[in-house]
PDB file of N, CA and C in Angstrom:
ATOM      1  N   MET A   1       0.843  -1.175   0.000  1.00  0.00           N
ATOM      2  CA  MET A   1       0.000   0.000   0.000  1.00  0.00           C
ATOM      3  C   MET A   1       0.893   1.245   0.000  1.00  0.00           C
ATOM      4  N   SER A   2       0.592   2.161  -0.900  1.00  0.00           N
ATOM      5  CA  SER A   2       1.431   3.345  -1.031  1.00  0.00           C
ATOM      6  C   SER A   2       1.078   4.398   0.006  1.00  0.00           C
ATOM      7  N   ASN A   3       2.004   5.301   0.216  1.00  0.00           N
ATOM      8  CA  ASN A   3       1.781   6.416   1.118  1.00  0.00           C
ATOM      9  C   ASN A   3       0.606   7.261   0.622  1.00  0.00           C
ATOM     10  N   MET A   4       0.511   7.452  -0.699  1.00  0.00           N
ATOM     11  CA  MET A   4      -0.588   8.218  -1.284  1.00  0.00           C
ATOM     12  C   MET A   4      -1.933   7.574  -0.938  1.00  0.00           C
ATOM     13  N   GLU A   5      -2.007   6.258  -1.004  1.00  0.00           N
ATOM     14  CA  GLU A   5      -3.256   5.567  -0.673  1.00  0.00           C
ATOM     15  C   GLU A   5      -3.653   5.826   0.783  1.00  0.00           C
ATOM     16  N   ASN A   6      -2.688   5.756   1.687  1.00  0.00           N
ATOM     17  CA  ASN A   6      -2.973   6.029   3.097  1.00  0.00           C
ATOM     18  C   ASN A   6      -3.424   7.474   3.300  1.00  0.00           C
ATOM     19  N   GLU A   7      -2.759   8.405   2.608  1.00  0.00           N
ATOM     20  CA  GLU A   7      -3.159   9.808   2.693  1.00  0.00           C
ATOM     21  C   GLU A   7      -4.588   9.990   2.196  1.00  0.00           C
ATOM     22  N   LEU A   8      -4.918   9.339   1.088  1.00  0.00           N
ATOM     23  CA  LEU A   8      -6.273   9.445   0.540  1.00  0.00           C
ATOM     24  C   LEU A   8      -7.313   8.844   1.470  1.00  0.00           C
ATOM     25  N   LYS A   9      -6.997   7.730   2.071  1.00  0.00           N
ATOM     26  CA  LYS A   9      -7.924   7.121   3.032  1.00  0.00           C
ATOM     27  C   LYS A   9      -8.203   8.078   4.182  1.00  0.00           C
ATOM     28  N   GLN A  10      -7.149   8.707   4.695  1.00  0.00           N
ATOM     29  CA  GLN A  10      -7.331   9.661   5.792  1.00  0.00           C
ATOM     30  C   GLN A  10      -8.116  10.876   5.315  1.00  0.00           C
ATOM     31  N   LEU A  11      -7.866  11.317   4.097  1.00  0.00           N
ATOM     32  CA  LEU A  11      -8.608  12.442   3.528  1.00  0.00           C
ATOM     33  C   LEU A  11     -10.090  12.100   3.399  1.00  0.00           C
ATOM     34  N   ILE A  12     -10.396  10.903   2.947  1.00  0.00           N
ATOM     35  CA  ILE A  12     -11.789  10.448   2.835  1.00  0.00           C
ATOM     36  C   ILE A  12     -12.458  10.466   4.212  1.00  0.00           C
ATOM     37  N   ILE A  13     -11.777   9.929   5.199  1.00  0.00           N
ATOM     38  CA  ILE A  13     -12.309   9.888   6.555  1.00  0.00           C
ATOM     39  C   ILE A  13     -12.550  11.299   7.089  1.00  0.00           C
ATOM     40  N   ASP A  14     -11.570  12.177   6.895  1.00  0.00           N
ATOM     41  CA  ASP A  14     -11.661  13.535   7.437  1.00  0.00           C
ATOM     42  C   ASP A  14     -12.700  14.390   6.714  1.00  0.00           C
ATOM     43  N   CYS A  15     -12.659  14.407   5.389  1.00  0.00           N
ATOM     44  CA  CYS A  15     -13.544  15.330   4.672  1.00  0.00           C
ATOM     45  C   CYS A  15     -14.989  14.854   4.650  1.00  0.00           C
ATOM     46  N   LEU A  16     -15.227  13.553   4.827  1.00  0.00           N
ATOM     47  CA  LEU A  16     -16.588  13.036   4.821  1.00  0.00           C
ATOM     48  C   LEU A  16     -17.092  12.690   6.224  1.00  0.00           C
ATOM     49  N   ASP A  17     -16.308  13.055   7.231  1.00  0.00           N
ATOM     50  CA  ASP A  17     -16.673  12.820   8.634  1.00  0.00           C
ATOM     51  C   ASP A  17     -17.042  11.361   8.909  1.00  0.00           C
ATOM     52  N   LEU A  18     -16.217  10.460   8.433  1.00  0.00           N
ATOM     53  CA  LEU A  18     -16.433   9.025   8.660  1.00  0.00           C
ATOM     54  C   LEU A  18     -15.674   8.608   9.919  1.00  0.00           C
ATOM     55  N   GLU A  19     -16.085   9.164  11.042  1.00  0.00           N
ATOM     56  CA  GLU A  19     -15.376   9.003  12.306  1.00  0.00           C
ATOM     57  C   GLU A  19     -15.300   7.565  12.800  1.00  0.00           C
ATOM     58  N   ASP A  20     -16.225   6.724  12.350  1.00  0.00           N
ATOM     59  CA  ASP A  20     -16.226   5.334  12.815  1.00  0.00           C
ATOM     60  C   ASP A  20     -15.285   4.441  12.007  1.00  0.00           C
ATOM     61  N   LEU A  21     -14.585   5.011  11.028  1.00  0.00           N
ATOM     62  CA  LEU A  21     -13.635   4.250  10.213  1.00  0.00           C
ATOM     63  C   LEU A  21     -12.211   4.692  10.496  1.00  0.00           C
ATOM     64  N   SER A  22     -11.277   3.758  10.305  1.00  0.00           N
ATOM     65  CA  SER A  22      -9.854   4.090  10.359  1.00  0.00           C
ATOM     66  C   SER A  22      -9.255   3.778   8.996  1.00  0.00           C
ATOM     67  N   VAL A  23      -8.046   4.220   8.774  1.00  0.00           N
ATOM     68  CA  VAL A  23      -7.345   3.959   7.521  1.00  0.00           C
ATOM     69  C   VAL A  23      -7.306   2.457   7.237  1.00  0.00           C
ATOM     70  N   ASP A  24      -7.099   1.662   8.282  1.00  0.00           N
ATOM     71  CA  ASP A  24      -7.009   0.210   8.118  1.00  0.00           C
ATOM     72  C   ASP A  24      -8.339  -0.437   7.741  1.00  0.00           C
ATOM     73  N   ASP A  25      -9.443   0.245   8.003  1.00  0.00           N
ATOM     74  CA  ASP A  25     -10.764  -0.289   7.678  1.00  0.00           C
ATOM     75  C   ASP A  25     -11.104  -0.178   6.190  1.00  0.00           C
ATOM     76  N   ILE A  26     -10.376   0.675   5.472  1.00  0.00           N
ATOM     77  CA  ILE A  26     -10.677   0.908   4.057  1.00  0.00           C
ATOM     78  C   ILE A  26      -9.727   0.085   3.193  1.00  0.00           C
ATOM     79  N   ASN A  27     -10.305  -0.795   2.393  1.00  0.00           N
ATOM     80  CA  ASN A  27      -9.537  -1.613   1.464  1.00  0.00           C
ATOM     81  C   ASN A  27      -9.238  -0.771   0.221  1.00  0.00           C
ATOM     82  N   SER A  28      -7.980  -0.677  -0.161  1.00  0.00           N
ATOM     83  CA  SER A  28      -7.571   0.155  -1.295  1.00  0.00           C
ATOM     84  C   SER A  28      -8.221  -0.264  -2.606  1.00  0.00           C
ATOM     85  N   GLU A  29      -8.550  -1.539  -2.731  1.00  0.00           N
ATOM     86  CA  GLU A  29      -9.130  -2.055  -3.974  1.00  0.00           C
ATOM     87  C   GLU A  29     -10.655  -2.044  -3.970  1.00  0.00           C
ATOM     88  N   GLU A  30     -11.255  -1.787  -2.817  1.00  0.00           N
ATOM     89  CA  GLU A  30     -12.707  -1.806  -2.682  1.00  0.00           C
ATOM     90  C   GLU A  30     -13.330  -0.610  -3.407  1.00  0.00           C
ATOM     91  N   ALA A  31     -14.502  -0.829  -3.967  1.00  0.00           N
ATOM     92  CA  ALA A  31     -15.233   0.247  -4.632  1.00  0.00           C
ATOM     93  C   ALA A  31     -15.546   1.348  -3.625  1.00  0.00           C
ATOM     94  N   LEU A  32     -15.434   2.597  -4.072  1.00  0.00           N
ATOM     95  CA  LEU A  32     -15.756   3.716  -3.190  1.00  0.00           C
ATOM     96  C   LEU A  32     -17.256   3.969  -3.131  1.00  0.00           C
ATOM     97  N   PHE A  33     -17.965   3.626  -4.194  1.00  0.00           N
ATOM     98  CA  PHE A  33     -19.388   3.913  -4.293  1.00  0.00           C
ATOM     99  C   PHE A  33     -20.202   2.630  -4.287  1.00  0.00           C
ATOM    100  N   ASN A  34     -21.500   2.796  -4.045  1.00  0.00           N
ATOM    101  CA  ASN A  34     -22.462   1.693  -4.052  1.00  0.00           C
ATOM    102  C   ASN A  34     -22.087   0.589  -3.081  1.00  0.00           C
ATOM    103  N   GLU A  35     -21.814  -0.612  -3.595  1.00  0.00           N
ATOM    104  CA  GLU A  35     -21.615  -1.774  -2.734  1.00  0.00           C
ATOM    105  C   GLU A  35     -20.333  -1.730  -1.913  1.00  0.00           C
ATOM    106  N   GLY A  36     -19.405  -0.892  -2.252  1.00  0.00           N
ATOM    107  CA  GLY A  36     -18.144  -0.826  -1.523  1.00  0.00           C
ATOM    108  C   GLY A  36     -18.254   0.028  -0.273  1.00  0.00           C
ATOM    109  N   LEU A  37     -17.567   1.145  -0.272  1.00  0.00           N
ATOM    110  CA  LEU A  37     -17.561   2.046   0.874  1.00  0.00           C
ATOM    111  C   LEU A  37     -18.904   2.766   1.028  1.00  0.00           C
ATOM    112  N   GLY A  38     -19.677   2.795  -0.049  1.00  0.00           N
ATOM    113  CA  GLY A  38     -21.028   3.347   0.032  1.00  0.00           C
ATOM    114  C   GLY A  38     -21.129   4.847  -0.133  1.00  0.00           C
ATOM    115  N   LEU A  39     -20.135   5.467  -0.772  1.00  0.00           N
ATOM    116  CA  LEU A  39     -20.192   6.905  -0.989  1.00  0.00           C
ATOM    117  C   LEU A  39     -21.253   7.233  -2.043  1.00  0.00           C
ATOM    118  N   ASP A  40     -21.702   8.496  -2.043  1.00  0.00           N
ATOM    119  CA  ASP A  40     -22.680   8.932  -3.037  1.00  0.00           C
ATOM    120  C   ASP A  40     -22.141  10.137  -3.812  1.00  0.00           C
ATOM    121  N   SER A  41     -22.974  10.710  -4.674  1.00  0.00           N
ATOM    122  CA  SER A  41     -22.517  11.798  -5.547  1.00  0.00           C
ATOM    123  C   SER A  41     -22.119  13.053  -4.757  1.00  0.00           C
ATOM    124  N   ILE A  42     -22.790  13.328  -3.665  1.00  0.00           N
ATOM    125  CA  ILE A  42     -22.418  14.474  -2.824  1.00  0.00           C
ATOM    126  C   ILE A  42     -21.044  14.229  -2.208  1.00  0.00           C
ATOM    127  N   ASP A  43     -20.804  13.007  -1.762  1.00  0.00           N
ATOM    128  CA  ASP A  43     -19.481  12.644  -1.230  1.00  0.00           C
ATOM    129  C   ASP A  43     -18.403  12.834  -2.294  1.00  0.00           C
ATOM    130  N   ALA A  44     -18.725  12.476  -3.538  1.00  0.00           N
ATOM    131  CA  ALA A  44     -17.762  12.623  -4.636  1.00  0.00           C
ATOM    132  C   ALA A  44     -17.396  14.087  -4.838  1.00  0.00           C
ATOM    133  N   LEU A  45     -18.379  14.967  -4.773  1.00  0.00           N
ATOM    134  CA  LEU A  45     -18.108  16.400  -4.916  1.00  0.00           C
ATOM    135  C   LEU A  45     -17.217  16.900  -3.781  1.00  0.00           C
ATOM    136  N   GLU A  46     -17.548  16.520  -2.559  1.00  0.00           N
ATOM    137  CA  GLU A  46     -16.747  16.938  -1.410  1.00  0.00           C
ATOM    138  C   GLU A  46     -15.328  16.394  -1.494  1.00  0.00           C
ATOM    139  N   LEU A  47     -15.208  15.141  -1.874  1.00  0.00           N
ATOM    140  CA  LEU A  47     -13.895  14.517  -1.998  1.00  0.00           C
ATOM    141  C   LEU A  47     -13.091  15.172  -3.122  1.00  0.00           C
ATOM    142  N   GLY A  48     -13.754  15.452  -4.245  1.00  0.00           N
ATOM    143  CA  GLY A  48     -13.080  16.129  -5.357  1.00  0.00           C
ATOM    144  C   GLY A  48     -12.533  17.483  -4.952  1.00  0.00           C
ATOM    145  N   LEU A  49     -13.304  18.246  -4.174  1.00  0.00           N
ATOM    146  CA  LEU A  49     -12.837  19.554  -3.698  1.00  0.00           C
ATOM    147  C   LEU A  49     -11.662  19.407  -2.737  1.00  0.00           C
ATOM    148  N   ALA A  50     -11.734  18.412  -1.859  1.00  0.00           N
ATOM    149  CA  ALA A  50     -10.642  18.178  -0.910  1.00  0.00           C
ATOM    150  C   ALA A  50      -9.359  17.771  -1.641  1.00  0.00           C
ATOM    151  N   ILE A  51      -9.499  16.953  -2.684  1.00  0.00           N
ATOM    152  CA  ILE A  51      -8.334  16.536  -3.478  1.00  0.00           C
ATOM    153  C   ILE A  51      -7.736  17.735  -4.193  1.00  0.00           C
ATOM    154  N   ARG A  52      -8.595  18.571  -4.749  1.00  0.00           N
ATOM    155  CA  ARG A  52      -8.109  19.760  -5.447  1.00  0.00           C
ATOM    156  C   ARG A  52      -7.337  20.668  -4.502  1.00  0.00           C
ATOM    157  N   LYS A  53      -7.859  20.841  -3.293  1.00  0.00           N
ATOM    158  CA  LYS A  53      -7.214  21.705  -2.294  1.00  0.00           C
ATOM    159  C   LYS A  53      -5.883  21.120  -1.815  1.00  0.00           C
ATOM    160  N   LYS A  54      -5.873  19.824  -1.519  1.00  0.00           N
ATOM    161  CA  LYS A  54      -4.666  19.198  -0.958  1.00  0.00           C
ATOM    162  C   LYS A  54      -3.593  18.915  -1.998  1.00  0.00           C
ATOM    163  N   TYR A  55      -4.004  18.428  -3.175  1.00  0.00           N
ATOM    164  CA  TYR A  55      -3.033  17.967  -4.165  1.00  0.00           C
ATOM    165  C   TYR A  55      -2.931  18.854  -5.401  1.00  0.00           C
ATOM    166  N   ASP A  56      -3.754  19.896  -5.478  1.00  0.00           N
ATOM    167  CA  ASP A  56      -3.791  20.785  -6.638  1.00  0.00           C
ATOM    168  C   ASP A  56      -4.048  19.996  -7.927  1.00  0.00           C
ATOM    169  N   VAL A  57      -4.964  19.043  -7.819  1.00  0.00           N
ATOM    170  CA  VAL A  57      -5.362  18.204  -8.956  1.00  0.00           C
ATOM    171  C   VAL A  57      -6.872  18.344  -9.109  1.00  0.00           C
ATOM    172  N   ARG A  58      -7.298  18.695 -10.312  1.00  0.00           N
ATOM    173  CA  ARG A  58      -8.723  18.872 -10.575  1.00  0.00           C
ATOM    174  C   ARG A  58      -9.264  17.632 -11.279  1.00  0.00           C
ATOM    175  N   ILE A  59     -10.360  17.117 -10.755  1.00  0.00           N
ATOM    176  CA  ILE A  59     -11.040  15.982 -11.371  1.00  0.00           C
ATOM    177  C   ILE A  59     -12.304  16.519 -12.017  1.00  0.00           C
ATOM    178  N   ASP A  60     -12.327  16.539 -13.326  1.00  0.00           N
ATOM    179  CA  ASP A  60     -13.449  17.086 -14.079  1.00  0.00           C
ATOM    180  C   ASP A  60     -14.592  16.078 -14.091  1.00  0.00           C
ATOM    181  N   ALA A  61     -15.728  16.459 -13.519  1.00  0.00           N
ATOM    182  CA  ALA A  61     -16.890  15.570 -13.436  1.00  0.00           C
ATOM    183  C   ALA A  61     -17.437  15.200 -14.811  1.00  0.00           C
ATOM    184  N   ASP A  62     -17.107  15.985 -15.828  1.00  0.00           N
ATOM    185  CA  ASP A  62     -17.602  15.719 -17.176  1.00  0.00           C
ATOM    186  C   ASP A  62     -16.710  14.759 -17.970  1.00  0.00           C
ATOM    187  N   LYS A  63     -15.563  14.382 -17.393  1.00  0.00           N
ATOM    188  CA  LYS A  63     -14.676  13.449 -18.084  1.00  0.00           C
ATOM    189  C   LYS A  63     -15.332  12.081 -18.203  1.00  0.00           C
ATOM    190  N   ASP A  64     -15.095  11.426 -19.315  1.00  0.00           N
ATOM    191  CA  ASP A  64     -15.658  10.093 -19.534  1.00  0.00           C
ATOM    192  C   ASP A  64     -15.138   9.072 -18.529  1.00  0.00           C
ATOM    193  N   ASP A  65     -13.924   9.260 -18.059  1.00  0.00           N
ATOM    194  CA  ASP A  65     -13.317   8.268 -17.173  1.00  0.00           C
ATOM    195  C   ASP A  65     -13.439   8.609 -15.685  1.00  0.00           C
ATOM    196  N   VAL A  66     -14.312   9.563 -15.332  1.00  0.00           N
ATOM    197  CA  VAL A  66     -14.446   9.946 -13.925  1.00  0.00           C
ATOM    198  C   VAL A  66     -14.886   8.759 -13.060  1.00  0.00           C
ATOM    199  N   VAL A  67     -15.690   7.870 -13.609  1.00  0.00           N
ATOM    200  CA  VAL A  67     -16.112   6.679 -12.858  1.00  0.00           C
ATOM    201  C   VAL A  67     -14.906   5.799 -12.561  1.00  0.00           C
ATOM    202  N   ASN A  68     -14.004   5.680 -13.524  1.00  0.00           N
ATOM    203  CA  ASN A  68     -12.795   4.871 -13.316  1.00  0.00           C
ATOM    204  C   ASN A  68     -11.845   5.533 -12.318  1.00  0.00           C
ATOM    205  N   ILE A  69     -11.773   6.861 -12.351  1.00  0.00           N
ATOM    206  CA  ILE A  69     -10.899   7.589 -11.427  1.00  0.00           C
ATOM    207  C   ILE A  69     -11.335   7.357  -9.984  1.00  0.00           C
ATOM    208  N   PHE A  70     -12.654   7.394  -9.747  1.00  0.00           N
ATOM    209  CA  PHE A  70     -13.198   7.212  -8.410  1.00  0.00           C
ATOM    210  C   PHE A  70     -13.547   5.751  -8.106  1.00  0.00           C
ATOM    211  N   ALA A  71     -13.054   4.825  -8.884  1.00  0.00           N
ATOM    212  CA  ALA A  71     -13.405   3.409  -8.696  1.00  0.00           C
ATOM    213  C   ALA A  71     -12.929   2.865  -7.351  1.00  0.00           C
ATOM    214  N   SER A  72     -11.739   3.255  -6.932  1.00  0.00           N
ATOM    215  CA  SER A  72     -11.161   2.756  -5.683  1.00  0.00           C
ATOM    216  C   SER A  72     -10.097   3.734  -5.209  1.00  0.00           C
ATOM    217  N   VAL A  73      -9.597   3.520  -4.014  1.00  0.00           N
ATOM    218  CA  VAL A  73      -8.508   4.353  -3.495  1.00  0.00           C
ATOM    219  C   VAL A  73      -7.281   4.188  -4.379  1.00  0.00           C
ATOM    220  N   THR A  74      -7.010   2.972  -4.814  1.00  0.00           N
ATOM    221  CA  THR A  74      -5.857   2.719  -5.679  1.00  0.00           C
ATOM    222  C   THR A  74      -5.969   3.495  -6.981  1.00  0.00           C
ATOM    223  N   ALA A  75      -7.135   3.453  -7.617  1.00  0.00           N
ATOM    224  CA  ALA A  75      -7.340   4.165  -8.881  1.00  0.00           C
ATOM    225  C   ALA A  75      -7.204   5.668  -8.676  1.00  0.00           C
ATOM    226  N   LEU A  76      -7.728   6.171  -7.595  1.00  0.00           N
ATOM    227  CA  LEU A  76      -7.652   7.595  -7.296  1.00  0.00           C
ATOM    228  C   LEU A  76      -6.200   8.015  -7.061  1.00  0.00           C
ATOM    229  N   ALA A  77      -5.455   7.212  -6.326  1.00  0.00           N
ATOM    230  CA  ALA A  77      -4.040   7.503  -6.068  1.00  0.00           C
ATOM    231  C   ALA A  77      -3.247   7.515  -7.368  1.00  0.00           C
ATOM    232  N   GLN A  78      -3.499   6.555  -8.238  1.00  0.00           N
ATOM    233  CA  GLN A  78      -2.787   6.500  -9.521  1.00  0.00           C
ATOM    234  C   GLN A  78      -3.097   7.728 -10.368  1.00  0.00           C
ATOM    235  N   PHE A  79      -4.363   8.153 -10.386  1.00  0.00           N
ATOM    236  CA  PHE A  79      -4.741   9.335 -11.151  1.00  0.00           C
ATOM    237  C   PHE A  79      -4.033  10.576 -10.610  1.00  0.00           C
ATOM    238  N   ILE A  80      -4.059  10.770  -9.299  1.00  0.00           N
ATOM    239  CA  ILE A  80      -3.427  11.956  -8.696  1.00  0.00           C
ATOM    240  C   ILE A  80      -1.935  11.966  -8.970  1.00  0.00           C
ATOM    241  N   GLU A  81      -1.288  10.819  -8.793  1.00  0.00           N
ATOM    242  CA  GLU A  81       0.147  10.733  -9.041  1.00  0.00           C
ATOM    243  C   GLU A  81       0.486  11.025 -10.502  1.00  0.00           C
ATOM    244  N   SER A  82      -0.334  10.530 -11.428  1.00  0.00           N
ATOM    245  CA  SER A  82      -0.073  10.781 -12.847  1.00  0.00           C
ATOM    246  C   SER A  82      -0.299  12.254 -13.187  1.00  0.00           C
ATOM    247  N   GLU A  83      -1.298  12.871 -12.578  1.00  0.00           N
ATOM    248  CA  GLU A  83      -1.548  14.296 -12.810  1.00  0.00           C
ATOM    249  C   GLU A  83      -0.428  15.154 -12.236  1.00  0.00           C
ATOM    250  N   GLN A  84       0.066  14.799 -11.066  1.00  0.00           N
ATOM    251  CA  GLN A  84       1.157  15.563 -10.455  1.00  0.00           C
ATOM    252  C   GLN A  84       2.437  15.408 -11.249  1.00  0.00           C
ATOM    253  N   THR A  85       2.688  14.240 -11.772  1.00  0.00           N
ATOM    254  CA  THR A  85       3.878  14.005 -12.587  1.00  0.00           C
ATOM    255  C   THR A  85       3.813  14.845 -13.852  1.00  0.00           C
ATOM    256  N   GLY A  86       2.647  14.981 -14.425  1.00  0.00           N
ATOM    257  CA  GLY A  86       2.457  15.756 -15.642  1.00  0.00           C
ATOM    258  C   GLY A  86       2.631  17.249 -15.439  1.00  0.00           C
ATOM    259  N   LYS A  87       2.506  17.727 -14.193  1.00  0.00           N
ATOM    260  CA  LYS A  87       2.641  19.171 -13.905  1.00  0.00           C
ATOM    261  C   LYS A  87       4.071  19.595 -13.675  1.00  0.00           C
ATOM    262  N   VAL A  88       4.958  18.632 -13.498  1.00  0.00           N
ATOM    263  CA  VAL A  88       6.353  18.965 -13.180  1.00  0.00           C
ATOM    264  C   VAL A  88       7.053  19.544 -14.374  1.00  0.00           C
TER     265      VAL A  88
END
């Protein structure tokens, strides 16, 4: 598990007030929405804003691959890392 994944898990917990969860409770490969962690579209907006603020990475809701970006913590970490690499 990467450091970015752990940071994202903590960000999810903090920005969505999931006080009953810890970083260890979130599986990096588990779906973030529906049957997985159970997030909804409002959570996605809040998480997207938190990611933009913390990592200076914008996730465009109109992108065709936004579902894939938010598929799991691992997918989200890979997207952020690839976006940050592209800004250097």
